[in-house]
Amino acid sequence: MTALRLAAALLAGLLSASALADDMPVFKLQMKDGQLIPARLVVPAGKKFKIEVMNIGKTPAEFESTPLRKEKVLGPGAESFLVFQPLAPGEYKFFDEFHMKTGQGVIVAK
């Protein structure tokens, strides 16, 4: 009986985690040799979200945001994601540390 309850609790936890993941907005960002596509991401303020980052260039890329304390290094052809806790309304700069002159972007929470 205890094993059955444990299995039911695990299943309920998995289902609720899946439902939470489905509710999280996902944004895509491509990095291409110093070009950020798009360079401006508008996200909902006060809501957790995820950015899927793809390096479609031929050189390494690094998503970095000092105010958000996030960074992710990607080799050519690599992809990954970053999860952000709810943000207050405002603008948060990010950049590609390997391409500082051209790789500048902003996340706008509203």
PDB file of N, CA and C in Angstrom:
ATOM      1  N   MET A   1       0.828  -1.198   0.000  1.00  0.00           N
ATOM      2  CA  MET A   1       0.000   0.000   0.000  1.00  0.00           C
ATOM      3  C   MET A   1       0.862   1.246   0.000  1.00  0.00           C
ATOM      4  N   THR A   2       1.945   1.263   0.774  1.00  0.00           N
ATOM      5  CA  THR A   2       2.824   2.425   0.840  1.00  0.00           C
ATOM      6  C   THR A   2       3.484   2.680  -0.514  1.00  0.00           C
ATOM      7  N   ALA A   3       3.900   1.602  -1.193  1.00  0.00           N
ATOM      8  CA  ALA A   3       4.522   1.748  -2.507  1.00  0.00           C
ATOM      9  C   ALA A   3       3.539   2.349  -3.500  1.00  0.00           C
ATOM     10  N   LEU A   4       2.272   1.961  -3.422  1.00  0.00           N
ATOM     11  CA  LEU A   4       1.250   2.507  -4.319  1.00  0.00           C
ATOM     12  C   LEU A   4       1.059   4.008  -4.082  1.00  0.00           C
ATOM     13  N   ARG A   5       1.044   4.406  -2.816  1.00  0.00           N
ATOM     14  CA  ARG A   5       0.895   5.841  -2.498  1.00  0.00           C
ATOM     15  C   ARG A   5       2.110   6.629  -2.969  1.00  0.00           C
ATOM     16  N   LEU A   6       3.288   6.046  -2.792  1.00  0.00           N
ATOM     17  CA  LEU A   6       4.509   6.709  -3.240  1.00  0.00           C
ATOM     18  C   LEU A   6       4.493   6.882  -4.759  1.00  0.00           C
ATOM     19  N   ALA A   7       4.074   5.844  -5.474  1.00  0.00           N
ATOM     20  CA  ALA A   7       3.992   5.930  -6.929  1.00  0.00           C
ATOM     21  C   ALA A   7       2.983   6.996  -7.352  1.00  0.00           C
ATOM     22  N   ALA A   8       1.839   7.055  -6.668  1.00  0.00           N
ATOM     23  CA  ALA A   8       0.824   8.058  -6.984  1.00  0.00           C
ATOM     24  C   ALA A   8       1.352   9.467  -6.730  1.00  0.00           C
ATOM     25  N   ALA A   9       2.086   9.636  -5.636  1.00  0.00           N
ATOM     26  CA  ALA A   9       2.650  10.957  -5.321  1.00  0.00           C
ATOM     27  C   ALA A   9       3.687  11.357  -6.359  1.00  0.00           C
ATOM     28  N   LEU A  10       4.526  10.407  -6.776  1.00  0.00           N
ATOM     29  CA  LEU A  10       5.526  10.711  -7.805  1.00  0.00           C
ATOM     30  C   LEU A  10       4.868  11.086  -9.124  1.00  0.00           C
ATOM     31  N   LEU A  11       3.837  10.360  -9.490  1.00  0.00           N
ATOM     32  CA  LEU A  11       3.123  10.648 -10.727  1.00  0.00           C
ATOM     33  C   LEU A  11       2.481  12.031 -10.668  1.00  0.00           C
ATOM     34  N   ALA A  12       1.870  12.357  -9.541  1.00  0.00           N
ATOM     35  CA  ALA A  12       1.246  13.674  -9.383  1.00  0.00           C
ATOM     36  C   ALA A  12       2.300  14.778  -9.486  1.00  0.00           C
ATOM     37  N   GLY A  13       3.465  14.544  -8.895  1.00  0.00           N
ATOM     38  CA  GLY A  13       4.548  15.534  -8.970  1.00  0.00           C
ATOM     39  C   GLY A  13       5.041  15.717 -10.381  1.00  0.00           C
ATOM     40  N   LEU A  14       5.187  14.620 -11.109  1.00  0.00           N
ATOM     41  CA  LEU A  14       5.629  14.706 -12.503  1.00  0.00           C
ATOM     42  C   LEU A  14       4.620  15.444 -13.360  1.00  0.00           C
ATOM     43  N   LEU A  15       3.350  15.160 -13.157  1.00  0.00           N
ATOM     44  CA  LEU A  15       2.319  15.826 -13.941  1.00  0.00           C
ATOM     45  C   LEU A  15       2.268  17.319 -13.652  1.00  0.00           C
ATOM     46  N   SER A  16       2.392  17.702 -12.384  1.00  0.00           N
ATOM     47  CA  SER A  16       2.351  19.138 -12.059  1.00  0.00           C
ATOM     48  C   SER A  16       3.606  19.835 -12.566  1.00  0.00           C
ATOM     49  N   ALA A  17       4.772  19.180 -12.527  1.00  0.00           N
ATOM     50  CA  ALA A  17       5.992  19.784 -13.070  1.00  0.00           C
ATOM     51  C   ALA A  17       5.854  19.972 -14.566  1.00  0.00           C
ATOM     52  N   SER A  18       5.260  19.002 -15.235  1.00  0.00           N
ATOM     53  CA  SER A  18       5.047  19.114 -16.678  1.00  0.00           C
ATOM     54  C   SER A  18       4.100  20.264 -16.989  1.00  0.00           C
ATOM     55  N   ALA A  19       3.041  20.407 -16.199  1.00  0.00           N
ATOM     56  CA  ALA A  19       2.100  21.501 -16.415  1.00  0.00           C
ATOM     57  C   ALA A  19       2.773  22.847 -16.207  1.00  0.00           C
ATOM     58  N   LEU A  20       3.648  22.949 -15.192  1.00  0.00           N
ATOM     59  CA  LEU A  20       4.362  24.204 -14.957  1.00  0.00           C
ATOM     60  C   LEU A  20       5.292  24.526 -16.115  1.00  0.00           C
ATOM     61  N   ALA A  21       5.988  23.518 -16.636  1.00  0.00           N
ATOM     62  CA  ALA A  21       6.895  23.744 -17.759  1.00  0.00           C
ATOM     63  C   ALA A  21       6.133  24.200 -18.985  1.00  0.00           C
ATOM     64  N   ASP A  22       4.932  23.661 -19.179  1.00  0.00           N
ATOM     65  CA  ASP A  22       4.127  24.050 -20.330  1.00  0.00           C
ATOM     66  C   ASP A  22       3.665  25.493 -20.233  1.00  0.00           C
ATOM     67  N   ASP A  23       3.505  26.014 -19.017  1.00  0.00           N
ATOM     68  CA  ASP A  23       3.038  27.378 -18.831  1.00  0.00           C
ATOM     69  C   ASP A  23       4.153  28.400 -18.998  1.00  0.00           C
ATOM     70  N   MET A  24       5.409  27.960 -18.981  1.00  0.00           N
ATOM     71  CA  MET A  24       6.530  28.892 -19.041  1.00  0.00           C
ATOM     72  C   MET A  24       6.736  29.357 -20.485  1.00  0.00           C
ATOM     73  N   PRO A  25       6.675  30.679 -20.734  1.00  0.00           N
ATOM     74  CA  PRO A  25       6.935  31.160 -22.089  1.00  0.00           C
ATOM     75  C   PRO A  25       8.376  30.862 -22.497  1.00  0.00           C
ATOM     76  N   VAL A  26       8.532  30.500 -23.756  1.00  0.00           N
ATOM     77  CA  VAL A  26       9.851  30.176 -24.303  1.00  0.00           C
ATOM     78  C   VAL A  26      10.153  31.133 -25.449  1.00  0.00           C
ATOM     79  N   PHE A  27      11.350  31.692 -25.428  1.00  0.00           N
ATOM     80  CA  PHE A  27      11.794  32.611 -26.474  1.00  0.00           C
ATOM     81  C   PHE A  27      13.053  32.029 -27.112  1.00  0.00           C
ATOM     82  N   LYS A  28      13.204  32.272 -28.380  1.00  0.00           N
ATOM     83  CA  LYS A  28      14.368  31.743 -29.106  1.00  0.00           C
ATOM     84  C   LYS A  28      15.307  32.882 -29.467  1.00  0.00           C
ATOM     85  N   LEU A  29      16.591  32.626 -29.276  1.00  0.00           N
ATOM     86  CA  LEU A  29      17.630  33.595 -29.615  1.00  0.00           C
ATOM     87  C   LEU A  29      18.702  32.872 -30.410  1.00  0.00           C
ATOM     88  N   GLN A  30      18.997  33.403 -31.588  1.00  0.00           N
ATOM     89  CA  GLN A  30      20.080  32.859 -32.402  1.00  0.00           C
ATOM     90  C   GLN A  30      21.273  33.804 -32.319  1.00  0.00           C
ATOM     91  N   MET A  31      22.448  33.217 -32.206  1.00  0.00           N
ATOM     92  CA  MET A  31      23.690  33.990 -32.165  1.00  0.00           C
ATOM     93  C   MET A  31      24.520  33.549 -33.366  1.00  0.00           C
ATOM     94  N   LYS A  32      24.925  34.544 -34.164  1.00  0.00           N
ATOM     95  CA  LYS A  32      25.648  34.210 -35.395  1.00  0.00           C
ATOM     96  C   LYS A  32      26.830  35.154 -35.574  1.00  0.00           C
ATOM     97  N   ASP A  33      27.976  34.751 -35.091  1.00  0.00           N
ATOM     98  CA  ASP A  33      29.222  35.496 -35.288  1.00  0.00           C
ATOM     99  C   ASP A  33      29.071  36.986 -34.959  1.00  0.00           C
ATOM    100  N   GLY A  34      28.494  37.287 -33.830  1.00  0.00           N
ATOM    101  CA  GLY A  34      28.337  38.667 -33.385  1.00  0.00           C
ATOM    102  C   GLY A  34      26.996  39.288 -33.696  1.00  0.00           C
ATOM    103  N   GLN A  35      26.135  38.542 -34.343  1.00  0.00           N
ATOM    104  CA  GLN A  35      24.787  39.036 -34.652  1.00  0.00           C
ATOM    105  C   GLN A  35      23.800  38.316 -33.736  1.00  0.00           C
ATOM    106  N   LEU A  36      22.921  39.062 -33.094  1.00  0.00           N
ATOM    107  CA  LEU A  36      21.901  38.485 -32.211  1.00  0.00           C
ATOM    108  C   LEU A  36      20.557  38.570 -32.913  1.00  0.00           C
ATOM    109  N   ILE A  37      19.883  37.453 -33.019  1.00  0.00           N
ATOM    110  CA  ILE A  37      18.618  37.400 -33.768  1.00  0.00           C
ATOM    111  C   ILE A  37      17.536  36.793 -32.880  1.00  0.00           C
ATOM    112  N   PRO A  38      16.602  37.574 -32.351  1.00  0.00           N
ATOM    113  CA  PRO A  38      16.525  39.023 -32.420  1.00  0.00           C
ATOM    114  C   PRO A  38      17.408  39.647 -31.335  1.00  0.00           C
ATOM    115  N   ALA A  39      17.740  40.901 -31.495  1.00  0.00           N
ATOM    116  CA  ALA A  39      18.558  41.600 -30.503  1.00  0.00           C
ATOM    117  C   ALA A  39      17.699  42.152 -29.370  1.00  0.00           C
ATOM    118  N   ARG A  40      16.383  42.115 -29.555  1.00  0.00           N
ATOM    119  CA  ARG A  40      15.462  42.623 -28.538  1.00  0.00           C
ATOM    120  C   ARG A  40      14.406  41.548 -28.269  1.00  0.00           C
ATOM    121  N   LEU A  41      14.352  41.109 -27.031  1.00  0.00           N
ATOM    122  CA  LEU A  41      13.365  40.102 -26.634  1.00  0.00           C
ATOM    123  C   LEU A  41      12.392  40.739 -25.654  1.00  0.00           C
ATOM    124  N   VAL A  42      11.120  40.677 -25.973  1.00  0.00           N
ATOM    125  CA  VAL A  42      10.099  41.219 -25.071  1.00  0.00           C
ATOM    126  C   VAL A  42       9.479  40.041 -24.329  1.00  0.00           C
ATOM    127  N   VAL A  43       9.581  40.072 -23.003  1.00  0.00           N
ATOM    128  CA  VAL A  43       9.106  38.969 -22.164  1.00  0.00           C
ATOM    129  C   VAL A  43       8.069  39.509 -21.178  1.00  0.00           C
ATOM    130  N   PRO A  44       7.232  38.632 -20.654  1.00  0.00           N
ATOM    131  CA  PRO A  44       6.246  39.098 -19.674  1.00  0.00           C
ATOM    132  C   PRO A  44       6.906  39.388 -18.315  1.00  0.00           C
ATOM    133  N   ALA A  45       6.647  40.554 -17.778  1.00  0.00           N
ATOM    134  CA  ALA A  45       7.157  40.890 -16.445  1.00  0.00           C
ATOM    135  C   ALA A  45       6.432  40.039 -15.407  1.00  0.00           C
ATOM    136  N   GLY A  46       7.165  39.677 -14.375  1.00  0.00           N
ATOM    137  CA  GLY A  46       6.558  38.940 -13.264  1.00  0.00           C
ATOM    138  C   GLY A  46       6.267  37.486 -13.557  1.00  0.00           C
ATOM    139  N   LYS A  47       6.865  36.939 -14.609  1.00  0.00           N
ATOM    140  CA  LYS A  47       6.617  35.540 -14.949  1.00  0.00           C
ATOM    141  C   LYS A  47       7.932  34.860 -15.335  1.00  0.00           C
ATOM    142  N   LYS A  48       8.140  33.679 -14.819  1.00  0.00           N
ATOM    143  CA  LYS A  48       9.323  32.892 -15.137  1.00  0.00           C
ATOM    144  C   LYS A  48       9.296  32.562 -16.634  1.00  0.00           C
ATOM    145  N   PHE A  49      10.455  32.593 -17.281  1.00  0.00           N
ATOM    146  CA  PHE A  49      10.500  32.273 -18.708  1.00  0.00           C
ATOM    147  C   PHE A  49      11.818  31.603 -19.062  1.00  0.00           C
ATOM    148  N   LYS A  50      11.868  31.090 -20.279  1.00  0.00           N
ATOM    149  CA  LYS A  50      13.049  30.375 -20.756  1.00  0.00           C
ATOM    150  C   LYS A  50      13.471  30.958 -22.098  1.00  0.00           C
ATOM    151  N   ILE A  51      14.779  31.078 -22.293  1.00  0.00           N
ATOM    152  CA  ILE A  51      15.325  31.469 -23.591  1.00  0.00           C
ATOM    153  C   ILE A  51      16.138  30.297 -24.115  1.00  0.00           C
ATOM    154  N   GLU A  52      15.766  29.838 -25.294  1.00  0.00           N
ATOM    155  CA  GLU A  52      16.534  28.805 -25.979  1.00  0.00           C
ATOM    156  C   GLU A  52      17.546  29.516 -26.866  1.00  0.00           C
ATOM    157  N   VAL A  53      18.812  29.233 -26.651  1.00  0.00           N
ATOM    158  CA  VAL A  53      19.896  29.931 -27.351  1.00  0.00           C
ATOM    159  C   VAL A  53      20.567  28.959 -28.308  1.00  0.00           C
ATOM    160  N   MET A  54      20.734  29.407 -29.555  1.00  0.00           N
ATOM    161  CA  MET A  54      21.392  28.588 -30.577  1.00  0.00           C
ATOM    162  C   MET A  54      22.538  29.381 -31.190  1.00  0.00           C
ATOM    163  N   ASN A  55      23.677  28.771 -31.270  1.00  0.00           N
ATOM    164  CA  ASN A  55      24.796  29.407 -31.965  1.00  0.00           C
ATOM    165  C   ASN A  55      24.819  28.851 -33.381  1.00  0.00           C
ATOM    166  N   ILE A  56      24.352  29.675 -34.320  1.00  0.00           N
ATOM    167  CA  ILE A  56      24.306  29.232 -35.718  1.00  0.00           C
ATOM    168  C   ILE A  56      25.499  29.766 -36.502  1.00  0.00           C
ATOM    169  N   GLY A  57      26.451  30.354 -35.780  1.00  0.00           N
ATOM    170  CA  GLY A  57      27.634  30.905 -36.438  1.00  0.00           C
ATOM    171  C   GLY A  57      28.766  29.901 -36.530  1.00  0.00           C
ATOM    172  N   LYS A  58      29.900  30.410 -37.009  1.00  0.00           N
ATOM    173  CA  LYS A  58      31.083  29.566 -37.182  1.00  0.00           C
ATOM    174  C   LYS A  58      32.127  29.802 -36.103  1.00  0.00           C
ATOM    175  N   THR A  59      31.826  30.727 -35.161  1.00  0.00           N
ATOM    176  CA  THR A  59      32.747  31.028 -34.065  1.00  0.00           C
ATOM    177  C   THR A  59      32.012  30.829 -32.735  1.00  0.00           C
ATOM    178  N   PRO A  60      32.746  30.695 -31.627  1.00  0.00           N
ATOM    179  CA  PRO A  60      32.068  30.555 -30.328  1.00  0.00           C
ATOM    180  C   PRO A  60      31.220  31.785 -30.000  1.00  0.00           C
ATOM    181  N   ALA A  61      30.225  31.584 -29.172  1.00  0.00           N
ATOM    182  CA  ALA A  61      29.365  32.678 -28.727  1.00  0.00           C
ATOM    183  C   ALA A  61      29.139  32.521 -27.231  1.00  0.00           C
ATOM    184  N   GLU A  62      28.885  33.653 -26.576  1.00  0.00           N
ATOM    185  CA  GLU A  62      28.569  33.598 -25.149  1.00  0.00           C
ATOM    186  C   GLU A  62      27.451  34.570 -24.840  1.00  0.00           C
ATOM    187  N   PHE A  63      26.321  34.033 -24.451  1.00  0.00           N
ATOM    188  CA  PHE A  63      25.238  34.874 -23.934  1.00  0.00           C
ATOM    189  C   PHE A  63      25.640  35.277 -22.536  1.00  0.00           C
ATOM    190  N   GLU A  64      25.657  36.587 -22.281  1.00  0.00           N
ATOM    191  CA  GLU A  64      25.970  37.039 -20.929  1.00  0.00           C
ATOM    192  C   GLU A  64      25.138  38.264 -20.589  1.00  0.00           C
ATOM    193  N   SER A  65      24.615  38.271 -19.382  1.00  0.00           N
ATOM    194  CA  SER A  65      23.890  39.426 -18.856  1.00  0.00           C
ATOM    195  C   SER A  65      24.381  39.682 -17.438  1.00  0.00           C
ATOM    196  N   THR A  66      25.048  40.790 -17.268  1.00  0.00           N
ATOM    197  CA  THR A  66      25.552  41.154 -15.941  1.00  0.00           C
ATOM    198  C   THR A  66      24.408  41.440 -14.976  1.00  0.00           C
ATOM    199  N   PRO A  67      23.403  42.253 -15.361  1.00  0.00           N
ATOM    200  CA  PRO A  67      22.339  42.537 -14.379  1.00  0.00           C
ATOM    201  C   PRO A  67      21.520  41.301 -14.009  1.00  0.00           C
ATOM    202  N   LEU A  68      21.420  40.351 -14.927  1.00  0.00           N
ATOM    203  CA  LEU A  68      20.632  39.151 -14.639  1.00  0.00           C
ATOM    204  C   LEU A  68      21.497  38.002 -14.132  1.00  0.00           C
ATOM    205  N   ARG A  69      22.797  38.223 -14.101  1.00  0.00           N
ATOM    206  CA  ARG A  69      23.756  37.215 -13.618  1.00  0.00           C
ATOM    207  C   ARG A  69      23.586  35.868 -14.332  1.00  0.00           C
ATOM    208  N   LYS A  70      23.567  35.949 -15.656  1.00  0.00           N
ATOM    209  CA  LYS A  70      23.429  34.741 -16.476  1.00  0.00           C
ATOM    210  C   LYS A  70      24.523  34.720 -17.524  1.00  0.00           C
ATOM    211  N   GLU A  71      25.031  33.552 -17.795  1.00  0.00           N
ATOM    212  CA  GLU A  71      25.953  33.394 -18.906  1.00  0.00           C
ATOM    213  C   GLU A  71      25.912  31.961 -19.398  1.00  0.00           C
ATOM    214  N   LYS A  72      26.168  31.839 -20.700  1.00  0.00           N
ATOM    215  CA  LYS A  72      26.158  30.513 -21.326  1.00  0.00           C
ATOM    216  C   LYS A  72      27.076  30.570 -22.531  1.00  0.00           C
ATOM    217  N   VAL A  73      28.079  29.718 -22.549  1.00  0.00           N
ATOM    218  CA  VAL A  73      29.020  29.650 -23.660  1.00  0.00           C
ATOM    219  C   VAL A  73      28.582  28.528 -24.600  1.00  0.00           C
ATOM    220  N   LEU A  74      28.590  28.847 -25.890  1.00  0.00           N
ATOM    221  CA  LEU A  74      28.170  27.882 -26.898  1.00  0.00           C
ATOM    222  C   LEU A  74      29.206  27.793 -28.008  1.00  0.00           C
ATOM    223  N   GLY A  75      29.605  26.590 -28.340  1.00  0.00           N
ATOM    224  CA  GLY A  75      30.462  26.390 -29.497  1.00  0.00           C
ATOM    225  C   GLY A  75      29.634  26.507 -30.767  1.00  0.00           C
ATOM    226  N   PRO A  76      30.306  26.586 -31.891  1.00  0.00           N
ATOM    227  CA  PRO A  76      29.570  26.648 -33.170  1.00  0.00           C
ATOM    228  C   PRO A  76      28.626  25.459 -33.319  1.00  0.00           C
ATOM    229  N   GLY A  77      27.382  25.741 -33.657  1.00  0.00           N
ATOM    230  CA  GLY A  77      26.381  24.694 -33.851  1.00  0.00           C
ATOM    231  C   GLY A  77      25.715  24.206 -32.574  1.00  0.00           C
ATOM    232  N   ALA A  78      26.134  24.709 -31.427  1.00  0.00           N
ATOM    233  CA  ALA A  78      25.569  24.238 -30.153  1.00  0.00           C
ATOM    234  C   ALA A  78      24.300  25.004 -29.799  1.00  0.00           C
ATOM    235  N   GLU A  79      23.475  24.390 -28.974  1.00  0.00           N
ATOM    236  CA  GLU A  79      22.290  25.067 -28.458  1.00  0.00           C
ATOM    237  C   GLU A  79      22.060  24.652 -27.016  1.00  0.00           C
ATOM    238  N   SER A  80      21.426  25.550 -26.277  1.00  0.00           N
ATOM    239  CA  SER A  80      21.149  25.304 -24.873  1.00  0.00           C
ATOM    240  C   SER A  80      19.996  26.225 -24.461  1.00  0.00           C
ATOM    241  N   PHE A  81      19.766  26.331 -23.191  1.00  0.00           N
ATOM    242  CA  PHE A  81      18.698  27.220 -22.723  1.00  0.00           C
ATOM    243  C   PHE A  81      19.063  27.822 -21.376  1.00  0.00           C
ATOM    244  N   LEU A  82      18.388  28.915 -21.061  1.00  0.00           N
ATOM    245  CA  LEU A  82      18.538  29.592 -19.769  1.00  0.00           C
ATOM    246  C   LEU A  82      17.136  29.830 -19.224  1.00  0.00           C
ATOM    247  N   VAL A  83      16.950  29.610 -17.944  1.00  0.00           N
ATOM    248  CA  VAL A  83      15.668  29.872 -17.289  1.00  0.00           C
ATOM    249  C   VAL A  83      15.827  31.110 -16.424  1.00  0.00           C
ATOM    250  N   PHE A  84      14.881  32.016 -16.553  1.00  0.00           N
ATOM    251  CA  PHE A  84      14.927  33.286 -15.827  1.00  0.00           C
ATOM    252  C   PHE A  84      13.791  33.338 -14.816  1.00  0.00           C
ATOM    253  N   GLN A  85      14.098  33.793 -13.632  1.00  0.00           N
ATOM    254  CA  GLN A  85      13.078  34.019 -12.618  1.00  0.00           C
ATOM    255  C   GLN A  85      12.272  35.264 -13.018  1.00  0.00           C
ATOM    256  N   PRO A  86      11.086  35.438 -12.474  1.00  0.00           N
ATOM    257  CA  PRO A  86      10.275  36.601 -12.848  1.00  0.00           C
ATOM    258  C   PRO A  86      11.054  37.920 -12.685  1.00  0.00           C
ATOM    259  N   LEU A  87      10.919  38.776 -13.708  1.00  0.00           N
ATOM    260  CA  LEU A  87      11.616  40.066 -13.705  1.00  0.00           C
ATOM    261  C   LEU A  87      10.638  41.199 -13.441  1.00  0.00           C
ATOM    262  N   ALA A  88      11.139  42.235 -12.797  1.00  0.00           N
ATOM    263  CA  ALA A  88      10.369  43.470 -12.665  1.00  0.00           C
ATOM    264  C   ALA A  88      10.354  44.142 -14.036  1.00  0.00           C
ATOM    265  N   PRO A  89       9.327  44.937 -14.329  1.00  0.00           N
ATOM    266  CA  PRO A  89       9.314  45.640 -15.612  1.00  0.00           C
ATOM    267  C   PRO A  89      10.597  46.457 -15.779  1.00  0.00           C
ATOM    268  N   GLY A  90      11.120  46.420 -16.997  1.00  0.00           N
ATOM    269  CA  GLY A  90      12.345  47.169 -17.267  1.00  0.00           C
ATOM    270  C   GLY A  90      13.132  46.539 -18.393  1.00  0.00           C
ATOM    271  N   GLU A  91      14.317  47.116 -18.628  1.00  0.00           N
ATOM    272  CA  GLU A  91      15.184  46.621 -19.686  1.00  0.00           C
ATOM    273  C   GLU A  91      16.458  46.055 -19.058  1.00  0.00           C
ATOM    274  N   TYR A  92      16.884  44.913 -19.578  1.00  0.00           N
ATOM    275  CA  TYR A  92      18.050  44.207 -19.055  1.00  0.00           C
ATOM    276  C   TYR A  92      18.971  43.879 -20.231  1.00  0.00           C
ATOM    277  N   LYS A  93      20.146  44.470 -20.231  1.00  0.00           N
ATOM    278  CA  LYS A  93      21.076  44.276 -21.339  1.00  0.00           C
ATOM    279  C   LYS A  93      21.723  42.899 -21.274  1.00  0.00           C
ATOM    280  N   PHE A  94      22.025  42.371 -22.462  1.00  0.00           N
ATOM    281  CA  PHE A  94      22.831  41.165 -22.573  1.00  0.00           C
ATOM    282  C   PHE A  94      23.764  41.341 -23.766  1.00  0.00           C
ATOM    283  N   PHE A  95      24.758  40.490 -23.861  1.00  0.00           N
ATOM    284  CA  PHE A  95      25.724  40.632 -24.941  1.00  0.00           C
ATOM    285  C   PHE A  95      26.393  39.296 -25.232  1.00  0.00           C
ATOM    286  N   ASP A  96      27.049  39.274 -26.380  1.00  0.00           N
ATOM    287  CA  ASP A  96      27.879  38.127 -26.765  1.00  0.00           C
ATOM    288  C   ASP A  96      29.308  38.521 -26.434  1.00  0.00           C
ATOM    289  N   GLU A  97      29.866  37.936 -25.393  1.00  0.00           N
ATOM    290  CA  GLU A  97      31.188  38.352 -24.923  1.00  0.00           C
ATOM    291  C   GLU A  97      32.288  38.088 -25.954  1.00  0.00           C
ATOM    292  N   PHE A  98      32.064  37.181 -26.873  1.00  0.00           N
ATOM    293  CA  PHE A  98      33.057  36.932 -27.919  1.00  0.00           C
ATOM    294  C   PHE A  98      32.972  37.968 -29.045  1.00  0.00           C
ATOM    295  N   HIS A  99      31.896  38.733 -29.070  1.00  0.00           N
ATOM    296  CA  HIS A  99      31.698  39.718 -30.136  1.00  0.00           C
ATOM    297  C   HIS A  99      31.113  40.997 -29.526  1.00  0.00           C
ATOM    298  N   MET A 100      31.898  41.647 -28.699  1.00  0.00           N
ATOM    299  CA  MET A 100      31.392  42.795 -27.936  1.00  0.00           C
ATOM    300  C   MET A 100      30.962  43.980 -28.806  1.00  0.00           C
ATOM    301  N   LYS A 101      31.621  44.187 -29.942  1.00  0.00           N
ATOM    302  CA  LYS A 101      31.290  45.365 -30.759  1.00  0.00           C
ATOM    303  C   LYS A 101      29.895  45.271 -31.376  1.00  0.00           C
ATOM    304  N   THR A 102      29.504  44.096 -31.781  1.00  0.00           N
ATOM    305  CA  THR A 102      28.224  43.972 -32.493  1.00  0.00           C
ATOM    306  C   THR A 102      27.181  43.160 -31.729  1.00  0.00           C
ATOM    307  N   GLY A 103      27.581  42.340 -30.823  1.00  0.00           N
ATOM    308  CA  GLY A 103      26.651  41.441 -30.142  1.00  0.00           C
ATOM    309  C   GLY A 103      26.034  42.056 -28.903  1.00  0.00           C
ATOM    310  N   GLN A 104      25.181  43.051 -29.087  1.00  0.00           N
ATOM    311  CA  GLN A 104      24.522  43.731 -27.971  1.00  0.00           C
ATOM    312  C   GLN A 104      23.008  43.544 -28.084  1.00  0.00           C
ATOM    313  N   GLY A 105      22.375  43.162 -26.991  1.00  0.00           N
ATOM    314  CA  GLY A 105      20.933  42.958 -27.020  1.00  0.00           C
ATOM    315  C   GLY A 105      20.279  43.412 -25.732  1.00  0.00           C
ATOM    316  N   VAL A 106      18.961  43.328 -25.719  1.00  0.00           N
ATOM    317  CA  VAL A 106      18.224  43.747 -24.529  1.00  0.00           C
ATOM    318  C   VAL A 106      16.998  42.851 -24.349  1.00  0.00           C
ATOM    319  N   ILE A 107      16.742  42.515 -23.103  1.00  0.00           N
ATOM    320  CA  ILE A 107      15.504  41.830 -22.727  1.00  0.00           C
ATOM    321  C   ILE A 107      14.606  42.895 -22.113  1.00  0.00           C
ATOM    322  N   VAL A 108      13.419  43.030 -22.668  1.00  0.00           N
ATOM    323  CA  VAL A 108      12.462  44.017 -22.167  1.00  0.00           C
ATOM    324  C   VAL A 108      11.349  43.259 -21.459  1.00  0.00           C
ATOM    325  N   ALA A 109      11.210  43.498 -20.166  1.00  0.00           N
ATOM    326  CA  ALA A 109      10.136  42.870 -19.389  1.00  0.00           C
ATOM    327  C   ALA A 109       9.006  43.877 -19.247  1.00  0.00           C
ATOM    328  N   LYS A 110       7.822  43.499 -19.749  1.00  0.00           N
ATOM    329  CA  LYS A 110       6.653  44.372 -19.570  1.00  0.00           C
ATOM    330  C   LYS A 110       5.378  43.586 -19.380  1.00  0.00           C
TER     331      LYS A 110
END
